[in-house]
PDB file of N, CA and C in Angstrom:
ATOM      1  N   MET A   1       0.841  -1.174   0.000  1.00  0.00           N
ATOM      2  CA  MET A   1       0.000   0.000   0.000  1.00  0.00           C
ATOM      3  C   MET A   1       0.895   1.249   0.000  1.00  0.00           C
ATOM      4  N   ILE A   2       0.500   2.259  -0.752  1.00  0.00           N
ATOM      5  CA  ILE A   2       1.236   3.517  -0.813  1.00  0.00           C
ATOM      6  C   ILE A   2       0.963   4.306   0.460  1.00  0.00           C
ATOM      7  N   ARG A   3       2.038   4.703   1.133  1.00  0.00           N
ATOM      8  CA  ARG A   3       1.895   5.464   2.369  1.00  0.00           C
ATOM      9  C   ARG A   3       2.202   6.945   2.190  1.00  0.00           C
ATOM     10  N   GLY A   4       3.003   7.279   1.184  1.00  0.00           N
ATOM     11  CA  GLY A   4       3.332   8.680   0.968  1.00  0.00           C
ATOM     12  C   GLY A   4       3.961   8.895  -0.391  1.00  0.00           C
ATOM     13  N   ILE A   5       3.742  10.081  -0.919  1.00  0.00           N
ATOM     14  CA  ILE A   5       4.332  10.482  -2.199  1.00  0.00           C
ATOM     15  C   ILE A   5       4.936  11.868  -2.001  1.00  0.00           C
ATOM     16  N   GLY A   6       6.134  12.056  -2.520  1.00  0.00           N
ATOM     17  CA  GLY A   6       6.776  13.362  -2.457  1.00  0.00           C
ATOM     18  C   GLY A   6       7.366  13.714  -3.803  1.00  0.00           C
ATOM     19  N   VAL A   7       7.340  14.978  -4.140  1.00  0.00           N
ATOM     20  CA  VAL A   7       7.940  15.461  -5.376  1.00  0.00           C
ATOM     21  C   VAL A   7       8.632  16.782  -5.068  1.00  0.00           C
ATOM     22  N   ASP A   8       9.736  17.025  -5.748  1.00  0.00           N
ATOM     23  CA  ASP A   8      10.426  18.303  -5.587  1.00  0.00           C
ATOM     24  C   ASP A   8      11.068  18.670  -6.916  1.00  0.00           C
ATOM     25  N   ILE A   9      11.062  19.948  -7.205  1.00  0.00           N
ATOM     26  CA  ILE A   9      11.725  20.485  -8.387  1.00  0.00           C
ATOM     27  C   ILE A   9      12.613  21.630  -7.932  1.00  0.00           C
ATOM     28  N   VAL A  10      13.800  21.735  -8.507  1.00  0.00           N
ATOM     29  CA  VAL A  10      14.741  22.773  -8.104  1.00  0.00           C
ATOM     30  C   VAL A  10      15.429  23.331  -9.347  1.00  0.00           C
ATOM     31  N   SER A  11      15.709  24.606  -9.298  1.00  0.00           N
ATOM     32  CA  SER A  11      16.427  25.280 -10.376  1.00  0.00           C
ATOM     33  C   SER A  11      17.903  24.881 -10.328  1.00  0.00           C
ATOM     34  N   VAL A  12      18.425  24.393 -11.429  1.00  0.00           N
ATOM     35  CA  VAL A  12      19.840  24.027 -11.508  1.00  0.00           C
ATOM     36  C   VAL A  12      20.709  25.267 -11.290  1.00  0.00           C
ATOM     37  N   ALA A  13      20.295  26.412 -11.813  1.00  0.00           N
ATOM     38  CA  ALA A  13      21.061  27.656 -11.635  1.00  0.00           C
ATOM     39  C   ALA A  13      21.149  28.049 -10.167  1.00  0.00           C
ATOM     40  N   ARG A  14      20.061  27.857  -9.429  1.00  0.00           N
ATOM     41  CA  ARG A  14      20.062  28.182  -7.999  1.00  0.00           C
ATOM     42  C   ARG A  14      21.071  27.305  -7.247  1.00  0.00           C
ATOM     43  N   ILE A  15      21.119  26.027  -7.583  1.00  0.00           N
ATOM     44  CA  ILE A  15      22.067  25.111  -6.942  1.00  0.00           C
ATOM     45  C   ILE A  15      23.490  25.448  -7.363  1.00  0.00           C
ATOM     46  N   GLU A  16      23.672  25.834  -8.615  1.00  0.00           N
ATOM     47  CA  GLU A  16      25.012  26.209  -9.092  1.00  0.00           C
ATOM     48  C   GLU A  16      25.563  27.384  -8.285  1.00  0.00           C
ATOM     49  N   VAL A  17      24.728  28.371  -8.008  1.00  0.00           N
ATOM     50  CA  VAL A  17      25.139  29.520  -7.188  1.00  0.00           C
ATOM     51  C   VAL A  17      25.445  29.057  -5.765  1.00  0.00           C
ATOM     52  N   ALA A  18      24.583  28.219  -5.207  1.00  0.00           N
ATOM     53  CA  ALA A  18      24.776  27.731  -3.838  1.00  0.00           C
ATOM     54  C   ALA A  18      26.057  26.914  -3.702  1.00  0.00           C
ATOM     55  N   MET A  19      26.438  26.206  -4.754  1.00  0.00           N
ATOM     56  CA  MET A  19      27.649  25.376  -4.720  1.00  0.00           C
ATOM     57  C   MET A  19      28.909  26.209  -4.497  1.00  0.00           C
ATOM     58  N   ARG A  20      28.839  27.501  -4.764  1.00  0.00           N
ATOM     59  CA  ARG A  20      30.000  28.384  -4.568  1.00  0.00           C
ATOM     60  C   ARG A  20      30.177  28.798  -3.104  1.00  0.00           C
ATOM     61  N   ARG A  21      29.147  28.583  -2.294  1.00  0.00           N
ATOM     62  CA  ARG A  21      29.223  28.960  -0.879  1.00  0.00           C
ATOM     63  C   ARG A  21      30.002  27.911  -0.095  1.00  0.00           C
ATOM     64  N   ASN A  22      30.852  28.378   0.784  1.00  0.00           N
ATOM     65  CA  ASN A  22      31.629  27.476   1.635  1.00  0.00           C
ATOM     66  C   ASN A  22      30.713  26.593   2.463  1.00  0.00           C
ATOM     67  N   GLY A  23      30.966  25.295   2.435  1.00  0.00           N
ATOM     68  CA  GLY A  23      30.245  24.351   3.266  1.00  0.00           C
ATOM     69  C   GLY A  23      28.933  23.855   2.723  1.00  0.00           C
ATOM     70  N   PHE A  24      28.436  24.441   1.638  1.00  0.00           N
ATOM     71  CA  PHE A  24      27.134  24.026   1.106  1.00  0.00           C
ATOM     72  C   PHE A  24      27.126  22.544   0.749  1.00  0.00           C
ATOM     73  N   LEU A  25      28.086  22.116  -0.051  1.00  0.00           N
ATOM     74  CA  LEU A  25      28.107  20.721  -0.502  1.00  0.00           C
ATOM     75  C   LEU A  25      28.258  19.760   0.671  1.00  0.00           C
ATOM     76  N   GLU A  26      29.113  20.096   1.617  1.00  0.00           N
ATOM     77  CA  GLU A  26      29.338  19.239   2.772  1.00  0.00           C
ATOM     78  C   GLU A  26      28.111  19.160   3.675  1.00  0.00           C
ATOM     79  N   ARG A  27      27.273  20.187   3.642  1.00  0.00           N
ATOM     80  CA  ARG A  27      26.052  20.192   4.462  1.00  0.00           C
ATOM     81  C   ARG A  27      24.969  19.295   3.870  1.00  0.00           C
ATOM     82  N   ILE A  28      24.820  19.313   2.542  1.00  0.00           N
ATOM     83  CA  ILE A  28      23.698  18.575   1.942  1.00  0.00           C
ATOM     84  C   ILE A  28      24.088  17.214   1.372  1.00  0.00           C
ATOM     85  N   LEU A  29      25.373  16.987   1.125  1.00  0.00           N
ATOM     86  CA  LEU A  29      25.811  15.727   0.531  1.00  0.00           C
ATOM     87  C   LEU A  29      26.632  14.914   1.525  1.00  0.00           C
ATOM     88  N   THR A  30      26.499  13.606   1.438  1.00  0.00           N
ATOM     89  CA  THR A  30      27.280  12.695   2.268  1.00  0.00           C
ATOM     90  C   THR A  30      28.635  12.451   1.601  1.00  0.00           C
ATOM     91  N   PRO A  31      29.582  11.847   2.332  1.00  0.00           N
ATOM     92  CA  PRO A  31      30.868  11.522   1.703  1.00  0.00           C
ATOM     93  C   PRO A  31      30.718  10.670   0.435  1.00  0.00           C
ATOM     94  N   ASP A  32      29.757   9.736   0.425  1.00  0.00           N
ATOM     95  CA  ASP A  32      29.517   8.934  -0.789  1.00  0.00           C
ATOM     96  C   ASP A  32      29.152   9.829  -1.971  1.00  0.00           C
ATOM     97  N   GLU A  33      28.311  10.819  -1.729  1.00  0.00           N
ATOM     98  CA  GLU A  33      27.872  11.711  -2.803  1.00  0.00           C
ATOM     99  C   GLU A  33      28.963  12.696  -3.195  1.00  0.00           C
ATOM    100  N   LEU A  34      29.781  13.102  -2.241  1.00  0.00           N
ATOM    101  CA  LEU A  34      30.871  14.031  -2.542  1.00  0.00           C
ATOM    102  C   LEU A  34      31.908  13.404  -3.472  1.00  0.00           C
ATOM    103  N   ASP A  35      31.922  12.076  -3.556  1.00  0.00           N
ATOM    104  CA  ASP A  35      32.829  11.371  -4.463  1.00  0.00           C
ATOM    105  C   ASP A  35      32.340  11.363  -5.912  1.00  0.00           C
ATOM    106  N   LEU A  36      31.102  11.795  -6.140  1.00  0.00           N
ATOM    107  CA  LEU A  36      30.547  11.828  -7.498  1.00  0.00           C
ATOM    108  C   LEU A  36      31.112  13.015  -8.265  1.00  0.00           C
ATOM    109  N   ASP A  37      30.941  13.001  -9.577  1.00  0.00           N
ATOM    110  CA  ASP A  37      31.285  14.155 -10.408  1.00  0.00           C
ATOM    111  C   ASP A  37      30.247  15.232 -10.098  1.00  0.00           C
ATOM    112  N   LEU A  38      30.638  16.258  -9.367  1.00  0.00           N
ATOM    113  CA  LEU A  38      29.686  17.212  -8.813  1.00  0.00           C
ATOM    114  C   LEU A  38      29.359  18.364  -9.761  1.00  0.00           C
ATOM    115  N   VAL A  39      28.711  18.044 -10.841  1.00  0.00           N
ATOM    116  CA  VAL A  39      28.201  19.075 -11.735  1.00  0.00           C
ATOM    117  C   VAL A  39      26.868  19.568 -11.155  1.00  0.00           C
ATOM    118  N   PRO A  40      26.485  20.814 -11.426  1.00  0.00           N
ATOM    119  CA  PRO A  40      25.259  21.364 -10.826  1.00  0.00           C
ATOM    120  C   PRO A  40      24.015  20.507 -11.042  1.00  0.00           C
ATOM    121  N   MET A  41      23.849  19.901 -12.217  1.00  0.00           N
ATOM    122  CA  MET A  41      22.666  19.075 -12.466  1.00  0.00           C
ATOM    123  C   MET A  41      22.610  17.882 -11.520  1.00  0.00           C
ATOM    124  N   ARG A  42      23.746  17.255 -11.271  1.00  0.00           N
ATOM    125  CA  ARG A  42      23.797  16.090 -10.381  1.00  0.00           C
ATOM    126  C   ARG A  42      23.504  16.507  -8.934  1.00  0.00           C
ATOM    127  N   VAL A  43      24.064  17.608  -8.508  1.00  0.00           N
ATOM    128  CA  VAL A  43      23.806  18.093  -7.144  1.00  0.00           C
ATOM    129  C   VAL A  43      22.332  18.484  -7.008  1.00  0.00           C
ATOM    130  N   ALA A  44      21.800  19.156  -8.008  1.00  0.00           N
ATOM    131  CA  ALA A  44      20.391  19.569  -7.974  1.00  0.00           C
ATOM    132  C   ALA A  44      19.460  18.361  -7.896  1.00  0.00           C
ATOM    133  N   SER A  45      19.764  17.303  -8.623  1.00  0.00           N
ATOM    134  CA  SER A  45      18.889  16.128  -8.590  1.00  0.00           C
ATOM    135  C   SER A  45      18.942  15.440  -7.229  1.00  0.00           C
ATOM    136  N   ARG A  46      20.101  15.442  -6.571  1.00  0.00           N
ATOM    137  CA  ARG A  46      20.191  14.868  -5.223  1.00  0.00           C
ATOM    138  C   ARG A  46      19.422  15.731  -4.215  1.00  0.00           C
ATOM    139  N   TRP A  47      19.552  17.040  -4.344  1.00  0.00           N
ATOM    140  CA  TRP A  47      18.773  17.954  -3.490  1.00  0.00           C
ATOM    141  C   TRP A  47      17.281  17.639  -3.639  1.00  0.00           C
ATOM    142  N   ALA A  48      16.807  17.596  -4.885  1.00  0.00           N
ATOM    143  CA  ALA A  48      15.385  17.356  -5.137  1.00  0.00           C
ATOM    144  C   ALA A  48      14.958  15.992  -4.595  1.00  0.00           C
ATOM    145  N   CYS A  49      15.810  14.993  -4.744  1.00  0.00           N
ATOM    146  CA  CYS A  49      15.457  13.653  -4.288  1.00  0.00           C
ATOM    147  C   CYS A  49      15.342  13.594  -2.769  1.00  0.00           C
ATOM    148  N   LYS A  50      16.284  14.192  -2.069  1.00  0.00           N
ATOM    149  CA  LYS A  50      16.215  14.186  -0.608  1.00  0.00           C
ATOM    150  C   LYS A  50      14.987  14.948  -0.117  1.00  0.00           C
ATOM    151  N   GLU A  51      14.652  16.039  -0.782  1.00  0.00           N
ATOM    152  CA  GLU A  51      13.439  16.792  -0.437  1.00  0.00           C
ATOM    153  C   GLU A  51      12.188  15.955  -0.706  1.00  0.00           C
ATOM    154  N   ALA A  52      12.151  15.244  -1.825  1.00  0.00           N
ATOM    155  CA  ALA A  52      10.990  14.408  -2.158  1.00  0.00           C
ATOM    156  C   ALA A  52      10.830  13.281  -1.140  1.00  0.00           C
ATOM    157  N   ILE A  53      11.923  12.672  -0.725  1.00  0.00           N
ATOM    158  CA  ILE A  53      11.862  11.607   0.287  1.00  0.00           C
ATOM    159  C   ILE A  53      11.356  12.177   1.609  1.00  0.00           C
ATOM    160  N   TYR A  54      11.866  13.339   2.004  1.00  0.00           N
ATOM    161  CA  TYR A  54      11.413  14.016   3.228  1.00  0.00           C
ATOM    162  C   TYR A  54       9.895  14.210   3.185  1.00  0.00           C
ATOM    163  N   LYS A  55       9.394  14.705   2.065  1.00  0.00           N
ATOM    164  CA  LYS A  55       7.960  14.953   1.928  1.00  0.00           C
ATOM    165  C   LYS A  55       7.167  13.655   1.958  1.00  0.00           C
ATOM    166  N   ALA A  56       7.659  12.623   1.274  1.00  0.00           N
ATOM    167  CA  ALA A  56       6.945  11.343   1.223  1.00  0.00           C
ATOM    168  C   ALA A  56       6.873  10.676   2.592  1.00  0.00           C
ATOM    169  N   LEU A  57       7.921  10.854   3.396  1.00  0.00           N
ATOM    170  CA  LEU A  57       7.941  10.274   4.745  1.00  0.00           C
ATOM    171  C   LEU A  57       7.204  11.142   5.763  1.00  0.00           C
ATOM    172  N   GLY A  58       6.895  12.369   5.393  1.00  0.00           N
ATOM    173  CA  GLY A  58       6.254  13.280   6.327  1.00  0.00           C
ATOM    174  C   GLY A  58       7.249  13.916   7.288  1.00  0.00           C
ATOM    175  N   GLY A  59       8.494  14.056   6.841  1.00  0.00           N
ATOM    176  CA  GLY A  59       9.542  14.675   7.667  1.00  0.00           C
ATOM    177  C   GLY A  59      10.363  13.622   8.387  1.00  0.00           C
ATOM    178  N   GLY A  60      11.161  14.101   9.336  1.00  0.00           N
ATOM    179  CA  GLY A  60      11.902  13.195  10.198  1.00  0.00           C
ATOM    180  C   GLY A  60      13.257  12.729   9.706  1.00  0.00           C
ATOM    181  N   ILE A  61      13.762  13.302   8.597  1.00  0.00           N
ATOM    182  CA  ILE A  61      15.105  12.945   8.136  1.00  0.00           C
ATOM    183  C   ILE A  61      15.919  14.219   7.914  1.00  0.00           C
ATOM    184  N   LYS A  62      17.244  14.040   7.914  1.00  0.00           N
ATOM    185  CA  LYS A  62      18.171  15.147   7.687  1.00  0.00           C
ATOM    186  C   LYS A  62      19.018  14.842   6.461  1.00  0.00           C
ATOM    187  N   TRP A  63      19.685  15.867   5.936  1.00  0.00           N
ATOM    188  CA  TRP A  63      20.497  15.734   4.718  1.00  0.00           C
ATOM    189  C   TRP A  63      21.475  14.568   4.783  1.00  0.00           C
ATOM    190  N   GLN A  64      22.145  14.410   5.925  1.00  0.00           N
ATOM    191  CA  GLN A  64      23.207  13.409   6.054  1.00  0.00           C
ATOM    192  C   GLN A  64      22.692  12.009   6.391  1.00  0.00           C
ATOM    193  N   ASP A  65      21.378  11.843   6.521  1.00  0.00           N
ATOM    194  CA  ASP A  65      20.808  10.536   6.851  1.00  0.00           C
ATOM    195  C   ASP A  65      20.850   9.551   5.687  1.00  0.00           C
ATOM    196  N   LEU A  66      21.002  10.050   4.467  1.00  0.00           N
ATOM    197  CA  LEU A  66      20.958   9.164   3.314  1.00  0.00           C
ATOM    198  C   LEU A  66      21.807   9.690   2.177  1.00  0.00           C
ATOM    199  N   SER A  67      22.259   8.760   1.373  1.00  0.00           N
ATOM    200  CA  SER A  67      22.979   9.086   0.141  1.00  0.00           C
ATOM    201  C   SER A  67      22.133   8.635  -1.037  1.00  0.00           C
ATOM    202  N   ILE A  68      22.167   9.408  -2.098  1.00  0.00           N
ATOM    203  CA  ILE A  68      21.543   9.020  -3.354  1.00  0.00           C
ATOM    204  C   ILE A  68      22.689   8.699  -4.317  1.00  0.00           C
ATOM    205  N   VAL A  69      22.821   7.445  -4.654  1.00  0.00           N
ATOM    206  CA  VAL A  69      23.881   6.982  -5.555  1.00  0.00           C
ATOM    207  C   VAL A  69      23.246   6.196  -6.686  1.00  0.00           C
ATOM    208  N   ASN A  70      24.050   5.731  -7.606  1.00  0.00           N
ATOM    209  CA  ASN A  70      23.537   4.934  -8.718  1.00  0.00           C
ATOM    210  C   ASN A  70      23.918   3.473  -8.537  1.00  0.00           C
ATOM    211  N   ASP A  71      22.995   2.590  -8.889  1.00  0.00           N
ATOM    212  CA  ASP A  71      23.302   1.168  -8.832  1.00  0.00           C
ATOM    213  C   ASP A  71      24.087   0.762 -10.086  1.00  0.00           C
ATOM    214  N   THR A  72      24.256  -0.520 -10.294  1.00  0.00           N
ATOM    215  CA  THR A  72      25.090  -1.003 -11.405  1.00  0.00           C
ATOM    216  C   THR A  72      24.525  -0.678 -12.783  1.00  0.00           C
ATOM    217  N   ILE A  73      23.221  -0.424 -12.856  1.00  0.00           N
ATOM    218  CA  ILE A  73      22.638  -0.042 -14.156  1.00  0.00           C
ATOM    219  C   ILE A  73      22.329   1.459 -14.203  1.00  0.00           C
ATOM    220  N   ARG A  74      22.935   2.217 -13.266  1.00  0.00           N
ATOM    221  CA  ARG A  74      22.851   3.665 -13.181  1.00  0.00           C
ATOM    222  C   ARG A  74      21.484   4.181 -12.723  1.00  0.00           C
ATOM    223  N   ALA A  75      20.660   3.309 -12.172  1.00  0.00           N
ATOM    224  CA  ALA A  75      19.392   3.748 -11.579  1.00  0.00           C
ATOM    225  C   ALA A  75      19.679   4.319 -10.191  1.00  0.00           C
ATOM    226  N   PRO A  76      18.962   5.360  -9.779  1.00  0.00           N
ATOM    227  CA  PRO A  76      19.220   5.933  -8.451  1.00  0.00           C
ATOM    228  C   PRO A  76      18.772   4.981  -7.352  1.00  0.00           C
ATOM    229  N   MET A  77      19.545   4.965  -6.273  1.00  0.00           N
ATOM    230  CA  MET A  77      19.168   4.153  -5.112  1.00  0.00           C
ATOM    231  C   MET A  77      19.573   4.889  -3.840  1.00  0.00           C
ATOM    232  N   ILE A  78      18.919   4.531  -2.761  1.00  0.00           N
ATOM    233  CA  ILE A  78      19.152   5.161  -1.468  1.00  0.00           C
ATOM    234  C   ILE A  78      20.077   4.274  -0.643  1.00  0.00           C
ATOM    235  N   ILE A  79      21.078   4.889  -0.034  1.00  0.00           N
ATOM    236  CA  ILE A  79      21.876   4.232   0.994  1.00  0.00           C
ATOM    237  C   ILE A  79      21.586   4.990   2.289  1.00  0.00           C
ATOM    238  N   TRP A  80      21.036   4.294   3.266  1.00  0.00           N
ATOM    239  CA  TRP A  80      20.691   4.919   4.537  1.00  0.00           C
ATOM    240  C   TRP A  80      21.882   4.899   5.474  1.00  0.00           C
ATOM    241  N   HIS A  81      22.074   5.990   6.195  1.00  0.00           N
ATOM    242  CA  HIS A  81      23.135   6.098   7.181  1.00  0.00           C
ATOM    243  C   HIS A  81      22.554   6.225   8.586  1.00  0.00           C
ATOM    244  N   ARG A  82      21.329   5.791   8.739  1.00  0.00           N
ATOM    245  CA  ARG A  82      20.649   5.779  10.033  1.00  0.00           C
ATOM    246  C   ARG A  82      19.592   4.692  10.016  1.00  0.00           C
ATOM    247  N   ASP A  83      19.108   4.358  11.178  1.00  0.00           N
ATOM    248  CA  ASP A  83      18.048   3.369  11.305  1.00  0.00           C
ATOM    249  C   ASP A  83      16.724   4.049  10.947  1.00  0.00           C
ATOM    250  N   ILE A  84      16.014   3.499   9.980  1.00  0.00           N
ATOM    251  CA  ILE A  84      14.727   4.109   9.598  1.00  0.00           C
ATOM    252  C   ILE A  84      13.545   3.287  10.101  1.00  0.00           C
ATOM    253  N   SER A  85      13.791   2.391  11.057  1.00  0.00           N
ATOM    254  CA  SER A  85      12.713   1.536  11.556  1.00  0.00           C
ATOM    255  C   SER A  85      11.590   2.331  12.215  1.00  0.00           C
ATOM    256  N   ASP A  86      11.873   3.571  12.659  1.00  0.00           N
ATOM    257  CA  ASP A  86      10.800   4.373  13.248  1.00  0.00           C
ATOM    258  C   ASP A  86       9.744   4.766  12.213  1.00  0.00           C
ATOM    259  N   PHE A  87      10.042   4.588  10.935  1.00  0.00           N
ATOM    260  CA  PHE A  87       9.050   4.817   9.883  1.00  0.00           C
ATOM    261  C   PHE A  87       8.248   3.548   9.597  1.00  0.00           C
ATOM    262  N   GLY A  88       8.577   2.475  10.283  1.00  0.00           N
ATOM    263  CA  GLY A  88       7.920   1.193  10.063  1.00  0.00           C
ATOM    264  C   GLY A  88       8.549   0.464   8.891  1.00  0.00           C
ATOM    265  N   PRO A  89       8.005  -0.706   8.574  1.00  0.00           N
ATOM    266  CA  PRO A  89       8.539  -1.458   7.433  1.00  0.00           C
ATOM    267  C   PRO A  89       8.095  -0.807   6.116  1.00  0.00           C
ATOM    268  N   VAL A  90       9.044  -0.131   5.469  1.00  0.00           N
ATOM    269  CA  VAL A  90       8.728   0.581   4.233  1.00  0.00           C
ATOM    270  C   VAL A  90       9.777   0.308   3.170  1.00  0.00           C
ATOM    271  N   LYS A  91       9.366   0.483   1.944  1.00  0.00           N
ATOM    272  CA  LYS A  91      10.272   0.499   0.800  1.00  0.00           C
ATOM    273  C   LYS A  91      10.048   1.840   0.119  1.00  0.00           C
ATOM    274  N   ILE A  92      11.144   2.499  -0.269  1.00  0.00           N
ATOM    275  CA  ILE A  92      11.019   3.815  -0.890  1.00  0.00           C
ATOM    276  C   ILE A  92      11.511   3.727  -2.329  1.00  0.00           C
ATOM    277  N   HIS A  93      10.652   4.095  -3.231  1.00  0.00           N
ATOM    278  CA  HIS A  93      10.958   4.108  -4.660  1.00  0.00           C
ATOM    279  C   HIS A  93      11.274   5.552  -5.053  1.00  0.00           C
ATOM    280  N   ILE A  94      12.350   5.739  -5.824  1.00  0.00           N
ATOM    281  CA  ILE A  94      12.726   7.096  -6.237  1.00  0.00           C
ATOM    282  C   ILE A  94      13.012   7.143  -7.728  1.00  0.00           C
ATOM    283  N   THR A  95      12.820   8.310  -8.280  1.00  0.00           N
ATOM    284  CA  THR A  95      13.227   8.567  -9.659  1.00  0.00           C
ATOM    285  C   THR A  95      13.671  10.016  -9.751  1.00  0.00           C
ATOM    286  N   LEU A  96      14.683  10.256 -10.570  1.00  0.00           N
ATOM    287  CA  LEU A  96      15.246  11.585 -10.777  1.00  0.00           C
ATOM    288  C   LEU A  96      15.198  11.916 -12.255  1.00  0.00           C
ATOM    289  N   SER A  97      15.086  13.189 -12.547  1.00  0.00           N
ATOM    290  CA  SER A  97      15.179  13.632 -13.926  1.00  0.00           C
ATOM    291  C   SER A  97      15.686  15.067 -13.928  1.00  0.00           C
ATOM    292  N   HIS A  98      16.346  15.441 -14.988  1.00  0.00           N
ATOM    293  CA  HIS A  98      16.803  16.816 -15.098  1.00  0.00           C
ATOM    294  C   HIS A  98      16.956  17.188 -16.556  1.00  0.00           C
ATOM    295  N   GLU A  99      16.923  18.480 -16.775  1.00  0.00           N
ATOM    296  CA  GLU A  99      17.223  19.067 -18.070  1.00  0.00           C
ATOM    297  C   GLU A  99      18.002  20.339 -17.773  1.00  0.00           C
ATOM    298  N   ARG A 100      18.255  21.145 -18.740  1.00  0.00           N
ATOM    299  CA  ARG A 100      19.152  22.290 -18.527  1.00  0.00           C
ATOM    300  C   ARG A 100      18.797  23.161 -17.334  1.00  0.00           C
ATOM    301  N   GLU A 101      17.539  23.473 -17.156  1.00  0.00           N
ATOM    302  CA  GLU A 101      17.144  24.466 -16.153  1.00  0.00           C
ATOM    303  C   GLU A 101      16.657  23.896 -14.832  1.00  0.00           C
ATOM    304  N   ASN A 102      16.137  22.683 -14.822  1.00  0.00           N
ATOM    305  CA  ASN A 102      15.514  22.141 -13.611  1.00  0.00           C
ATOM    306  C   ASN A 102      15.886  20.682 -13.378  1.00  0.00           C
ATOM    307  N   ALA A 103      15.846  20.316 -12.113  1.00  0.00           N
ATOM    308  CA  ALA A 103      15.967  18.917 -11.710  1.00  0.00           C
ATOM    309  C   ALA A 103      14.727  18.587 -10.904  1.00  0.00           C
ATOM    310  N   VAL A 104      14.216  17.385 -11.085  1.00  0.00           N
ATOM    311  CA  VAL A 104      13.004  16.970 -10.394  1.00  0.00           C
ATOM    312  C   VAL A 104      13.205  15.552  -9.863  1.00  0.00           C
ATOM    313  N   ALA A 105      12.539  15.266  -8.755  1.00  0.00           N
ATOM    314  CA  ALA A 105      12.586  13.922  -8.188  1.00  0.00           C
ATOM    315  C   ALA A 105      11.221  13.580  -7.604  1.00  0.00           C
ATOM    316  N   VAL A 106      10.915  12.291  -7.630  1.00  0.00           N
ATOM    317  CA  VAL A 106       9.686  11.770  -7.045  1.00  0.00           C
ATOM    318  C   VAL A 106      10.080  10.615  -6.128  1.00  0.00           C
ATOM    319  N   ALA A 107       9.453  10.559  -4.967  1.00  0.00           N
ATOM    320  CA  ALA A 107       9.643   9.459  -4.031  1.00  0.00           C
ATOM    321  C   ALA A 107       8.272   8.906  -3.645  1.00  0.00           C
ATOM    322  N   VAL A 108       8.181   7.598  -3.623  1.00  0.00           N
ATOM    323  CA  VAL A 108       6.962   6.914  -3.205  1.00  0.00           C
ATOM    324  C   VAL A 108       7.320   5.981  -2.061  1.00  0.00           C
ATOM    325  N   VAL A 109       6.641   6.141  -0.937  1.00  0.00           N
ATOM    326  CA  VAL A 109       6.858   5.279   0.219  1.00  0.00           C
ATOM    327  C   VAL A 109       5.778   4.199   0.198  1.00  0.00           C
ATOM    328  N   GLU A 110       6.246   2.962   0.138  1.00  0.00           N
ATOM    329  CA  GLU A 110       5.365   1.812   0.119  1.00  0.00           C
ATOM    330  C   GLU A 110       5.422   1.131   1.492  1.00  0.00           C
ATOM    331  N   SER A 111       4.285   0.931   2.119  1.00  0.00           N
ATOM    332  CA  SER A 111       4.225   0.210   3.378  1.00  0.00           C
ATOM    333  C   SER A 111       4.360  -1.274   3.087  1.00  0.00           C
ATOM    334  N   LEU A 112       5.191  -1.975   3.856  1.00  0.00           N
ATOM    335  CA  LEU A 112       5.386  -3.410   3.660  1.00  0.00           C
ATOM    336  C   LEU A 112       4.544  -4.230   4.623  1.00  0.00           C
ATOM    337  N   GLU A 113       3.643  -3.584   5.335  1.00  0.00           N
ATOM    338  CA  GLU A 113       2.752  -4.298   6.262  1.00  0.00           C
ATOM    339  C   GLU A 113       1.483  -4.691   5.563  1.00  0.00           C
TER     340      GLU A 113
END
């Protein structure tokens, strides 16, 4: 059963400007994500994805609680850096997309009960 849906869209230009500020990347990205090729589109899509997951869960997570990385077929996947059992038994489905001006992400929280 679907328990929550979240979507977020962000301006790539806005993230590009923010990337110039000291500490911005370290605040929103985990060490796993900091190892990626940090072009503005990639950072923007991770921002949007973390926001979409936050919305789908109804809050309760922080930037450093999860990494958004790619699996072996380059599909986005979540690596959790905290125990999420307080959200109950859930599976979270994510998708990212971007074009020149915007990045968007959708998260769907599926209850496993």
